[in-house]
Amino acid sequence: MKIEELSGYDIPEKYIQKFRDEKITELYQPQADVIRKGLFKEKNLIVSLPTAGGKTLIATISILHNFLQNKHRKAVYIAPLVALANEKYQYFKSFFGNDQKVAISV
């Protein structure tokens, strides 16, 4: 699935461009499968992928979609290590910019 196809799921071009800026042009197969199997359909999902398998991108797309749909105004991202939590905090701060408040608790 090309990153541009996210526009068909009501992801604005502004955010698709942010993914392009991160050099993301195509989703990995497991990421595309998660989207097709219900990421945007109010389903609970458990995503289990190896390191660098694309879990953060799936979480980012899900959080973004929920914010845009005004269904959930808050999201919690849990990381098992303080260093990883700090890394993801910086990522989400950069990705969402001033559009969303991002906080960290470790």
PDB file of N, CA and C in Angstrom:
ATOM      1  N   MET A   1       0.846  -1.165   0.000  1.00  0.00           N
ATOM      2  CA  MET A   1       0.000   0.000   0.000  1.00  0.00           C
ATOM      3  C   MET A   1       0.899   1.238   0.000  1.00  0.00           C
ATOM      4  N   LYS A   2       0.666   2.123  -0.920  1.00  0.00           N
ATOM      5  CA  LYS A   2       1.405   3.380  -0.992  1.00  0.00           C
ATOM      6  C   LYS A   2       0.895   4.315   0.098  1.00  0.00           C
ATOM      7  N   ILE A   3       1.762   5.164   0.610  1.00  0.00           N
ATOM      8  CA  ILE A   3       1.393   6.077   1.690  1.00  0.00           C
ATOM      9  C   ILE A   3       0.270   7.018   1.244  1.00  0.00           C
ATOM     10  N   GLU A   4       0.214   7.333  -0.038  1.00  0.00           N
ATOM     11  CA  GLU A   4      -0.831   8.215  -0.566  1.00  0.00           C
ATOM     12  C   GLU A   4      -2.227   7.623  -0.392  1.00  0.00           C
ATOM     13  N   GLU A   5      -2.320   6.304  -0.324  1.00  0.00           N
ATOM     14  CA  GLU A   5      -3.618   5.649  -0.186  1.00  0.00           C
ATOM     15  C   GLU A   5      -4.285   5.948   1.153  1.00  0.00           C
ATOM     16  N   LEU A   6      -3.526   6.483   2.099  1.00  0.00           N
ATOM     17  CA  LEU A   6      -4.120   6.855   3.381  1.00  0.00           C
ATOM     18  C   LEU A   6      -5.142   7.980   3.217  1.00  0.00           C
ATOM     19  N   SER A   7      -5.039   8.737   2.140  1.00  0.00           N
ATOM     20  CA  SER A   7      -6.032   9.792   1.905  1.00  0.00           C
ATOM     21  C   SER A   7      -7.426   9.192   1.745  1.00  0.00           C
ATOM     22  N   GLY A   8      -7.513   7.959   1.274  1.00  0.00           N
ATOM     23  CA  GLY A   8      -8.793   7.267   1.154  1.00  0.00           C
ATOM     24  C   GLY A   8      -9.401   6.907   2.504  1.00  0.00           C
ATOM     25  N   TYR A   9      -8.610   7.053   3.560  1.00  0.00           N
ATOM     26  CA  TYR A   9      -9.086   6.805   4.925  1.00  0.00           C
ATOM     27  C   TYR A   9      -9.197   8.126   5.704  1.00  0.00           C
ATOM     28  N   ASP A  10      -9.326   9.211   4.977  1.00  0.00           N
ATOM     29  CA  ASP A  10      -9.518  10.554   5.545  1.00  0.00           C
ATOM     30  C   ASP A  10      -8.305  11.081   6.315  1.00  0.00           C
ATOM     31  N   ILE A  11      -7.119  10.618   5.962  1.00  0.00           N
ATOM     32  CA  ILE A  11      -5.900  11.188   6.533  1.00  0.00           C
ATOM     33  C   ILE A  11      -5.517  12.373   5.644  1.00  0.00           C
ATOM     34  N   PRO A  12      -5.452  13.583   6.213  1.00  0.00           N
ATOM     35  CA  PRO A  12      -5.161  14.775   5.404  1.00  0.00           C
ATOM     36  C   PRO A  12      -3.771  14.739   4.768  1.00  0.00           C
ATOM     37  N   GLU A  13      -3.656  15.414   3.657  1.00  0.00           N
ATOM     38  CA  GLU A  13      -2.399  15.490   2.904  1.00  0.00           C
ATOM     39  C   GLU A  13      -1.260  16.027   3.777  1.00  0.00           C
ATOM     40  N   LYS A  14      -1.577  16.935   4.680  1.00  0.00           N
ATOM     41  CA  LYS A  14      -0.561  17.510   5.574  1.00  0.00           C
ATOM     42  C   LYS A  14       0.211  16.409   6.309  1.00  0.00           C
ATOM     43  N   TYR A  15      -0.504  15.405   6.792  1.00  0.00           N
ATOM     44  CA  TYR A  15       0.132  14.321   7.546  1.00  0.00           C
ATOM     45  C   TYR A  15       0.767  13.291   6.615  1.00  0.00           C
ATOM     46  N   ILE A  16       0.157  13.067   5.469  1.00  0.00           N
ATOM     47  CA  ILE A  16       0.779  12.172   4.487  1.00  0.00           C
ATOM     48  C   ILE A  16       2.125  12.751   4.078  1.00  0.00           C
ATOM     49  N   GLN A  17       2.193  14.069   3.929  1.00  0.00           N
ATOM     50  CA  GLN A  17       3.462  14.716   3.589  1.00  0.00           C
ATOM     51  C   GLN A  17       4.475  14.546   4.716  1.00  0.00           C
ATOM     52  N   LYS A  18       4.017  14.580   5.972  1.00  0.00           N
ATOM     53  CA  LYS A  18       4.940  14.357   7.093  1.00  0.00           C
ATOM     54  C   LYS A  18       5.550  12.954   7.013  1.00  0.00           C
ATOM     55  N   PHE A  19       4.733  11.969   6.629  1.00  0.00           N
ATOM     56  CA  PHE A  19       5.273  10.621   6.450  1.00  0.00           C
ATOM     57  C   PHE A  19       6.283  10.600   5.308  1.00  0.00           C
ATOM     58  N   ARG A  20       5.958  11.287   4.217  1.00  0.00           N
ATOM     59  CA  ARG A  20       6.911  11.362   3.099  1.00  0.00           C
ATOM     60  C   ARG A  20       8.215  12.008   3.550  1.00  0.00           C
ATOM     61  N   ASP A  21       8.113  13.049   4.377  1.00  0.00           N
ATOM     62  CA  ASP A  21       9.312  13.724   4.889  1.00  0.00           C
ATOM     63  C   ASP A  21      10.181  12.772   5.712  1.00  0.00           C
ATOM     64  N   GLU A  22       9.538  11.758   6.297  1.00  0.00           N
ATOM     65  CA  GLU A  22      10.262  10.722   7.046  1.00  0.00           C
ATOM     66  C   GLU A  22      10.756   9.610   6.119  1.00  0.00           C
ATOM     67  N   LYS A  23      10.607   9.816   4.824  1.00  0.00           N
ATOM     68  CA  LYS A  23      11.033   8.856   3.789  1.00  0.00           C
ATOM     69  C   LYS A  23      10.164   7.599   3.770  1.00  0.00           C
ATOM     70  N   ILE A  24       8.920   7.725   4.241  1.00  0.00           N
ATOM     71  CA  ILE A  24       7.971   6.611   4.180  1.00  0.00           C
ATOM     72  C   ILE A  24       7.136   6.795   2.926  1.00  0.00           C
ATOM     73  N   THR A  25       7.297   5.904   1.977  1.00  0.00           N
ATOM     74  CA  THR A  25       6.543   5.994   0.726  1.00  0.00           C
ATOM     75  C   THR A  25       5.572   4.830   0.563  1.00  0.00           C
ATOM     76  N   GLU A  26       5.873   3.750   1.264  1.00  0.00           N
ATOM     77  CA  GLU A  26       5.039   2.555   1.154  1.00  0.00           C
ATOM     78  C   GLU A  26       4.975   1.865   2.513  1.00  0.00           C
ATOM     79  N   LEU A  27       3.802   1.319   2.833  1.00  0.00           N
ATOM     80  CA  LEU A  27       3.642   0.595   4.085  1.00  0.00           C
ATOM     81  C   LEU A  27       4.165  -0.827   3.934  1.00  0.00           C
ATOM     82  N   TYR A  28       4.713  -1.352   5.021  1.00  0.00           N
ATOM     83  CA  TYR A  28       5.062  -2.769   5.036  1.00  0.00           C
ATOM     84  C   TYR A  28       3.768  -3.573   4.935  1.00  0.00           C
ATOM     85  N   GLN A  29       3.870  -4.800   4.482  1.00  0.00           N
ATOM     86  CA  GLN A  29       2.677  -5.636   4.324  1.00  0.00           C
ATOM     87  C   GLN A  29       1.876  -5.780   5.623  1.00  0.00           C
ATOM     88  N   PRO A  30       2.533  -6.035   6.784  1.00  0.00           N
ATOM     89  CA  PRO A  30       1.748  -6.136   8.019  1.00  0.00           C
ATOM     90  C   PRO A  30       1.008  -4.835   8.366  1.00  0.00           C
ATOM     91  N   GLN A  31       1.605  -3.687   8.061  1.00  0.00           N
ATOM     92  CA  GLN A  31       0.948  -2.408   8.311  1.00  0.00           C
ATOM     93  C   GLN A  31      -0.295  -2.267   7.433  1.00  0.00           C
ATOM     94  N   ALA A  32      -0.155  -2.590   6.161  1.00  0.00           N
ATOM     95  CA  ALA A  32      -1.295  -2.525   5.243  1.00  0.00           C
ATOM     96  C   ALA A  32      -2.386  -3.502   5.675  1.00  0.00           C
ATOM     97  N   ASP A  33      -1.994  -4.681   6.131  1.00  0.00           N
ATOM     98  CA  ASP A  33      -2.967  -5.675   6.596  1.00  0.00           C
ATOM     99  C   ASP A  33      -3.763  -5.149   7.790  1.00  0.00           C
ATOM    100  N   VAL A  34      -3.078  -4.509   8.734  1.00  0.00           N
ATOM    101  CA  VAL A  34      -3.756  -3.961   9.911  1.00  0.00           C
ATOM    102  C   VAL A  34      -4.772  -2.904   9.489  1.00  0.00           C
ATOM    103  N   ILE A  35      -4.419  -2.066   8.549  1.00  0.00           N
ATOM    104  CA  ILE A  35      -5.349  -1.035   8.073  1.00  0.00           C
ATOM    105  C   ILE A  35      -6.549  -1.680   7.402  1.00  0.00           C
ATOM    106  N   ARG A  36      -6.293  -2.648   6.562  1.00  0.00           N
ATOM    107  CA  ARG A  36      -7.399  -3.308   5.842  1.00  0.00           C
ATOM    108  C   ARG A  36      -8.290  -4.139   6.768  1.00  0.00           C
ATOM    109  N   LYS A  37      -7.720  -4.644   7.853  1.00  0.00           N
ATOM    110  CA  LYS A  37      -8.488  -5.530   8.748  1.00  0.00           C
ATOM    111  C   LYS A  37      -9.210  -4.797   9.867  1.00  0.00           C
ATOM    112  N   GLY A  38      -9.170  -3.475   9.868  1.00  0.00           N
ATOM    113  CA  GLY A  38     -10.018  -2.802  10.829  1.00  0.00           C
ATOM    114  C   GLY A  38      -9.419  -1.712  11.686  1.00  0.00           C
ATOM    115  N   LEU A  39      -8.270  -1.180  11.344  1.00  0.00           N
ATOM    116  CA  LEU A  39      -7.676  -0.123  12.154  1.00  0.00           C
ATOM    117  C   LEU A  39      -8.627   1.057  12.314  1.00  0.00           C
ATOM    118  N   PHE A  40      -9.412   1.358  11.285  1.00  0.00           N
ATOM    119  CA  PHE A  40     -10.310   2.507  11.317  1.00  0.00           C
ATOM    120  C   PHE A  40     -11.760   2.115  11.593  1.00  0.00           C
ATOM    121  N   LYS A  41     -11.999   0.905  12.067  1.00  0.00           N
ATOM    122  CA  LYS A  41     -13.363   0.407  12.235  1.00  0.00           C
ATOM    123  C   LYS A  41     -13.760   0.189  13.685  1.00  0.00           C
ATOM    124  N   GLU A  42     -13.201   0.979  14.593  1.00  0.00           N
ATOM    125  CA  GLU A  42     -13.583   0.867  16.008  1.00  0.00           C
ATOM    126  C   GLU A  42     -13.361  -0.531  16.565  1.00  0.00           C
ATOM    127  N   LYS A  43     -12.340  -1.207  16.100  1.00  0.00           N
ATOM    128  CA  LYS A  43     -12.008  -2.537  16.608  1.00  0.00           C
ATOM    129  C   LYS A  43     -10.797  -2.432  17.517  1.00  0.00           C
ATOM    130  N   ASN A  44     -10.748  -3.314  18.488  1.00  0.00           N
ATOM    131  CA  ASN A  44      -9.552  -3.439  19.300  1.00  0.00           C
ATOM    132  C   ASN A  44      -8.603  -4.389  18.586  1.00  0.00           C
ATOM    133  N   LEU A  45      -7.357  -3.993  18.501  1.00  0.00           N
ATOM    134  CA  LEU A  45      -6.366  -4.808  17.811  1.00  0.00           C
ATOM    135  C   LEU A  45      -5.140  -4.977  18.687  1.00  0.00           C
ATOM    136  N   ILE A  46      -4.526  -6.122  18.588  1.00  0.00           N
ATOM    137  CA  ILE A  46      -3.217  -6.347  19.186  1.00  0.00           C
ATOM    138  C   ILE A  46      -2.254  -6.530  18.019  1.00  0.00           C
ATOM    139  N   VAL A  47      -1.226  -5.714  18.004  1.00  0.00           N
ATOM    140  CA  VAL A  47      -0.245  -5.769  16.929  1.00  0.00           C
ATOM    141  C   VAL A  47       1.058  -6.285  17.505  1.00  0.00           C
ATOM    142  N   SER A  48       1.514  -7.383  16.991  1.00  0.00           N
ATOM    143  CA  SER A  48       2.762  -7.987  17.440  1.00  0.00           C
ATOM    144  C   SER A  48       3.678  -8.127  16.226  1.00  0.00           C
ATOM    145  N   LEU A  49       4.696  -7.297  16.191  1.00  0.00           N
ATOM    146  CA  LEU A  49       5.670  -7.311  15.097  1.00  0.00           C
ATOM    147  C   LEU A  49       7.067  -7.222  15.704  1.00  0.00           C
ATOM    148  N   PRO A  50       8.055  -7.692  14.979  1.00  0.00           N
ATOM    149  CA  PRO A  50       9.423  -7.586  15.504  1.00  0.00           C
ATOM    150  C   PRO A  50       9.899  -6.139  15.533  1.00  0.00           C
ATOM    151  N   THR A  51      11.020  -5.927  16.191  1.00  0.00           N
ATOM    152  CA  THR A  51      11.643  -4.615  16.209  1.00  0.00           C
ATOM    153  C   THR A  51      11.794  -4.105  14.782  1.00  0.00           C
ATOM    154  N   ALA A  52      11.467  -2.846  14.586  1.00  0.00           N
ATOM    155  CA  ALA A  52      11.519  -2.185  13.275  1.00  0.00           C
ATOM    156  C   ALA A  52      10.484  -2.747  12.304  1.00  0.00           C
ATOM    157  N   GLY A  53       9.426  -3.344  12.843  1.00  0.00           N
ATOM    158  CA  GLY A  53       8.373  -3.912  12.005  1.00  0.00           C
ATOM    159  C   GLY A  53       7.282  -2.923  11.631  1.00  0.00           C
ATOM    160  N   GLY A  54       7.294  -1.730  12.247  1.00  0.00           N
ATOM    161  CA  GLY A  54       6.333  -0.709  11.875  1.00  0.00           C
ATOM    162  C   GLY A  54       5.212  -0.464  12.859  1.00  0.00           C
ATOM    163  N   LYS A  55       5.407  -0.848  14.110  1.00  0.00           N
ATOM    164  CA  LYS A  55       4.347  -0.671  15.106  1.00  0.00           C
ATOM    165  C   LYS A  55       4.069   0.795  15.404  1.00  0.00           C
ATOM    166  N   THR A  56       5.110   1.624  15.464  1.00  0.00           N
ATOM    167  CA  THR A  56       4.910   3.041  15.769  1.00  0.00           C
ATOM    168  C   THR A  56       4.114   3.722  14.666  1.00  0.00           C
ATOM    169  N   LEU A  57       4.355   3.380  13.434  1.00  0.00           N
ATOM    170  CA  LEU A  57       3.588   3.979  12.333  1.00  0.00           C
ATOM    171  C   LEU A  57       2.119   3.594  12.439  1.00  0.00           C
ATOM    172  N   ILE A  58       1.842   2.345  12.757  1.00  0.00           N
ATOM    173  CA  ILE A  58       0.458   1.906  12.931  1.00  0.00           C
ATOM    174  C   ILE A  58      -0.191   2.705  14.071  1.00  0.00           C
ATOM    175  N   ALA A  59       0.510   2.842  15.181  1.00  0.00           N
ATOM    176  CA  ALA A  59      -0.025   3.604  16.316  1.00  0.00           C
ATOM    177  C   ALA A  59      -0.250   5.064  15.934  1.00  0.00           C
ATOM    178  N   THR A  60       0.687   5.646  15.221  1.00  0.00           N
ATOM    179  CA  THR A  60       0.572   7.047  14.813  1.00  0.00           C
ATOM    180  C   THR A  60      -0.639   7.260  13.918  1.00  0.00           C
ATOM    181  N   ILE A  61      -0.823   6.387  12.950  1.00  0.00           N
ATOM    182  CA  ILE A  61      -1.974   6.498  12.047  1.00  0.00           C
ATOM    183  C   ILE A  61      -3.277   6.337  12.824  1.00  0.00           C
ATOM    184  N   SER A  62      -3.316   5.393  13.741  1.00  0.00           N
ATOM    185  CA  SER A  62      -4.511   5.167  14.551  1.00  0.00           C
ATOM    186  C   SER A  62      -4.823   6.372  15.436  1.00  0.00           C
ATOM    187  N   ILE A  63      -3.818   6.886  16.120  1.00  0.00           N
ATOM    188  CA  ILE A  63      -3.997   8.061  16.974  1.00  0.00           C
ATOM    189  C   ILE A  63      -4.466   9.246  16.143  1.00  0.00           C
ATOM    190  N   LEU A  64      -3.824   9.464  15.020  1.00  0.00           N
ATOM    191  CA  LEU A  64      -4.182  10.569  14.134  1.00  0.00           C
ATOM    192  C   LEU A  64      -5.627  10.453  13.664  1.00  0.00           C
ATOM    193  N   HIS A  65      -6.004   9.279  13.215  1.00  0.00           N
ATOM    194  CA  HIS A  65      -7.371   9.065  12.737  1.00  0.00           C
ATOM    195  C   HIS A  65      -8.390   9.348  13.838  1.00  0.00           C
ATOM    196  N   ASN A  66      -8.126   8.860  15.033  1.00  0.00           N
ATOM    197  CA  ASN A  66      -9.048   9.099  16.142  1.00  0.00           C
ATOM    198  C   ASN A  66      -9.133  10.576  16.511  1.00  0.00           C
ATOM    199  N   PHE A  67      -8.016  11.278  16.502  1.00  0.00           N
ATOM    200  CA  PHE A  67      -8.049  12.721  16.766  1.00  0.00           C
ATOM    201  C   PHE A  67      -8.870  13.444  15.701  1.00  0.00           C
ATOM    202  N   LEU A  68      -8.663  13.083  14.449  1.00  0.00           N
ATOM    203  CA  LEU A  68      -9.358  13.761  13.353  1.00  0.00           C
ATOM    204  C   LEU A  68     -10.851  13.482  13.353  1.00  0.00           C
ATOM    205  N   GLN A  69     -11.233  12.309  13.815  1.00  0.00           N
ATOM    206  CA  GLN A  69     -12.647  11.943  13.861  1.00  0.00           C
ATOM    207  C   GLN A  69     -13.328  12.460  15.124  1.00  0.00           C
ATOM    208  N   ASN A  70     -12.573  13.118  15.997  1.00  0.00           N
ATOM    209  CA  ASN A  70     -13.078  13.640  17.270  1.00  0.00           C
ATOM    210  C   ASN A  70     -13.700  12.567  18.150  1.00  0.00           C
ATOM    211  N   LYS A  71     -13.316  11.337  17.946  1.00  0.00           N
ATOM    212  CA  LYS A  71     -13.831  10.245  18.764  1.00  0.00           C
ATOM    213  C   LYS A  71     -13.102  10.194  20.099  1.00  0.00           C
ATOM    214  N   HIS A  72     -11.808  10.418  20.049  1.00  0.00           N
ATOM    215  CA  HIS A  72     -10.986  10.353  21.258  1.00  0.00           C
ATOM    216  C   HIS A  72     -10.060  11.563  21.248  1.00  0.00           C
ATOM    217  N   ARG A  73     -10.072  12.289  22.296  1.00  0.00           N
ATOM    218  CA  ARG A  73      -9.214  13.460  22.367  1.00  0.00           C
ATOM    219  C   ARG A  73      -7.903  13.150  23.075  1.00  0.00           C
ATOM    220  N   LYS A  74      -7.776  11.945  23.596  1.00  0.00           N
ATOM    221  CA  LYS A  74      -6.551  11.551  24.273  1.00  0.00           C
ATOM    222  C   LYS A  74      -6.132  10.179  23.768  1.00  0.00           C
ATOM    223  N   ALA A  75      -4.830   9.957  23.807  1.00  0.00           N
ATOM    224  CA  ALA A  75      -4.278   8.657  23.440  1.00  0.00           C
ATOM    225  C   ALA A  75      -3.140   8.354  24.410  1.00  0.00           C
ATOM    226  N   VAL A  76      -2.929   7.096  24.678  1.00  0.00           N
ATOM    227  CA  VAL A  76      -1.825   6.662  25.538  1.00  0.00           C
ATOM    228  C   VAL A  76      -0.964   5.704  24.731  1.00  0.00           C
ATOM    229  N   TYR A  77       0.311   5.989  24.689  1.00  0.00           N
ATOM    230  CA  TYR A  77       1.283   5.110  24.032  1.00  0.00           C
ATOM    231  C   TYR A  77       2.202   4.613  25.130  1.00  0.00           C
ATOM    232  N   ILE A  78       2.265   3.321  25.313  1.00  0.00           N
ATOM    233  CA  ILE A  78       3.056   2.732  26.389  1.00  0.00           C
ATOM    234  C   ILE A  78       4.314   2.101  25.806  1.00  0.00           C
ATOM    235  N   ALA A  79       5.447   2.437  26.411  1.00  0.00           N
ATOM    236  CA  ALA A  79       6.730   1.879  25.983  1.00  0.00           C
ATOM    237  C   ALA A  79       7.379   1.179  27.173  1.00  0.00           C
ATOM    238  N   PRO A  80       8.087   0.075  26.939  1.00  0.00           N
ATOM    239  CA  PRO A  80       8.643  -0.719  28.036  1.00  0.00           C
ATOM    240  C   PRO A  80       9.930  -0.171  28.647  1.00  0.00           C
ATOM    241  N   LEU A  81      10.541   0.818  28.006  1.00  0.00           N
ATOM    242  CA  LEU A  81      11.810   1.355  28.495  1.00  0.00           C
ATOM    243  C   LEU A  81      11.764   2.877  28.515  1.00  0.00           C
ATOM    244  N   VAL A  82      12.426   3.490  29.492  1.00  0.00           N
ATOM    245  CA  VAL A  82      12.441   4.948  29.595  1.00  0.00           C
ATOM    246  C   VAL A  82      13.057   5.565  28.344  1.00  0.00           C
ATOM    247  N   ALA A  83      14.140   4.998  27.862  1.00  0.00           N
ATOM    248  CA  ALA A  83      14.792   5.542  26.670  1.00  0.00           C
ATOM    249  C   ALA A  83      13.853   5.492  25.459  1.00  0.00           C
ATOM    250  N   LEU A  84      13.120   4.408  25.320  1.00  0.00           N
ATOM    251  CA  LEU A  84      12.173   4.277  24.221  1.00  0.00           C
ATOM    252  C   LEU A  84      11.011   5.256  24.401  1.00  0.00           C
ATOM    253  N   ALA A  85      10.549   5.425  25.639  1.00  0.00           N
ATOM    254  CA  ALA A  85       9.482   6.386  25.913  1.00  0.00           C
ATOM    255  C   ALA A  85       9.925   7.797  25.525  1.00  0.00           C
ATOM    256  N   ASN A  86      11.147   8.150  25.858  1.00  0.00           N
ATOM    257  CA  ASN A  86      11.678   9.466  25.486  1.00  0.00           C
ATOM    258  C   ASN A  86      11.768   9.623  23.968  1.00  0.00           C
ATOM    259  N   GLU A  87      12.210   8.573  23.303  1.00  0.00           N
ATOM    260  CA  GLU A  87      12.311   8.601  21.839  1.00  0.00           C
ATOM    261  C   GLU A  87      10.935   8.816  21.203  1.00  0.00           C
ATOM    262  N   LYS A  88       9.946   8.075  21.670  1.00  0.00           N
ATOM    263  CA  LYS A  88       8.594   8.192  21.106  1.00  0.00           C
ATOM    264  C   LYS A  88       7.966   9.534  21.462  1.00  0.00           C
ATOM    265  N   TYR A  89       8.254  10.044  22.645  1.00  0.00           N
ATOM    266  CA  TYR A  89       7.775  11.371  23.037  1.00  0.00           C
ATOM    267  C   TYR A  89       8.278  12.420  22.044  1.00  0.00           C
ATOM    268  N   GLN A  90       9.571  12.371  21.757  1.00  0.00           N
ATOM    269  CA  GLN A  90      10.143  13.325  20.799  1.00  0.00           C
ATOM    270  C   GLN A  90       9.519  13.153  19.407  1.00  0.00           C
ATOM    271  N   TYR A  91       9.308  11.906  19.017  1.00  0.00           N
ATOM    272  CA  TYR A  91       8.695  11.642  17.717  1.00  0.00           C
ATOM    273  C   TYR A  91       7.292  12.241  17.638  1.00  0.00           C
ATOM    274  N   PHE A  92       6.451  11.961  18.646  1.00  0.00           N
ATOM    275  CA  PHE A  92       5.074  12.457  18.629  1.00  0.00           C
ATOM    276  C   PHE A  92       5.032  13.983  18.732  1.00  0.00           C
ATOM    277  N   LYS A  93       5.923  14.583  19.522  1.00  0.00           N
ATOM    278  CA  LYS A  93       6.003  16.044  19.592  1.00  0.00           C
ATOM    279  C   LYS A  93       6.297  16.613  18.215  1.00  0.00           C
ATOM    280  N   SER A  94       7.246  16.009  17.516  1.00  0.00           N
ATOM    281  CA  SER A  94       7.613  16.477  16.188  1.00  0.00           C
ATOM    282  C   SER A  94       6.486  16.244  15.182  1.00  0.00           C
ATOM    283  N   PHE A  95       5.891  15.060  15.216  1.00  0.00           N
ATOM    284  CA  PHE A  95       4.863  14.705  14.236  1.00  0.00           C
ATOM    285  C   PHE A  95       3.610  15.563  14.400  1.00  0.00           C
ATOM    286  N   PHE A  96       3.114  15.695  15.622  1.00  0.00           N
ATOM    287  CA  PHE A  96       1.865  16.427  15.841  1.00  0.00           C
ATOM    288  C   PHE A  96       2.069  17.931  15.968  1.00  0.00           C
ATOM    289  N   GLY A  97       3.299  18.356  16.243  1.00  0.00           N
ATOM    290  CA  GLY A  97       3.572  19.789  16.342  1.00  0.00           C
ATOM    291  C   GLY A  97       2.632  20.465  17.318  1.00  0.00           C
ATOM    292  N   ASN A  98       2.041  21.562  16.893  1.00  0.00           N
ATOM    293  CA  ASN A  98       1.108  22.304  17.739  1.00  0.00           C
ATOM    294  C   ASN A  98      -0.333  21.826  17.589  1.00  0.00           C
ATOM    295  N   ASP A  99      -0.561  20.812  16.764  1.00  0.00           N
ATOM    296  CA  ASP A  99      -1.921  20.307  16.557  1.00  0.00           C
ATOM    297  C   ASP A  99      -2.455  19.558  17.779  1.00  0.00           C
ATOM    298  N   GLN A 100      -1.574  18.920  18.519  1.00  0.00           N
ATOM    299  CA  GLN A 100      -1.974  18.130  19.685  1.00  0.00           C
ATOM    300  C   GLN A 100      -0.956  18.332  20.796  1.00  0.00           C
ATOM    301  N   LYS A 101      -1.435  18.313  22.021  1.00  0.00           N
ATOM    302  CA  LYS A 101      -0.541  18.358  23.169  1.00  0.00           C
ATOM    303  C   LYS A 101       0.039  16.962  23.367  1.00  0.00           C
ATOM    304  N   VAL A 102       1.329  16.884  23.584  1.00  0.00           N
ATOM    305  CA  VAL A 102       2.000  15.609  23.821  1.00  0.00           C
ATOM    306  C   VAL A 102       2.722  15.710  25.170  1.00  0.00           C
ATOM    307  N   ALA A 103       2.530  14.711  26.007  1.00  0.00           N
ATOM    308  CA  ALA A 103       3.162  14.699  27.331  1.00  0.00           C
ATOM    309  C   ALA A 103       3.813  13.325  27.549  1.00  0.00           C
ATOM    310  N   ILE A 104       4.674  13.271  28.539  1.00  0.00           N
ATOM    311  CA  ILE A 104       5.351  12.018  28.861  1.00  0.00           C
ATOM    312  C   ILE A 104       5.301  11.800  30.372  1.00  0.00           C
ATOM    313  N   SER A 105       5.199  10.547  30.755  1.00  0.00           N
ATOM    314  CA  SER A 105       5.277  10.144  32.158  1.00  0.00           C
ATOM    315  C   SER A 105       6.090   8.859  32.200  1.00  0.00           C
ATOM    316  N   VAL A 106       7.163   8.874  32.964  1.00  0.00           N
ATOM    317  CA  VAL A 106       8.000   7.670  33.067  1.00  0.00           C
ATOM    318  C   VAL A 106       8.214   7.314  34.519  1.00  0.00           C
TER     319      VAL A 106
END
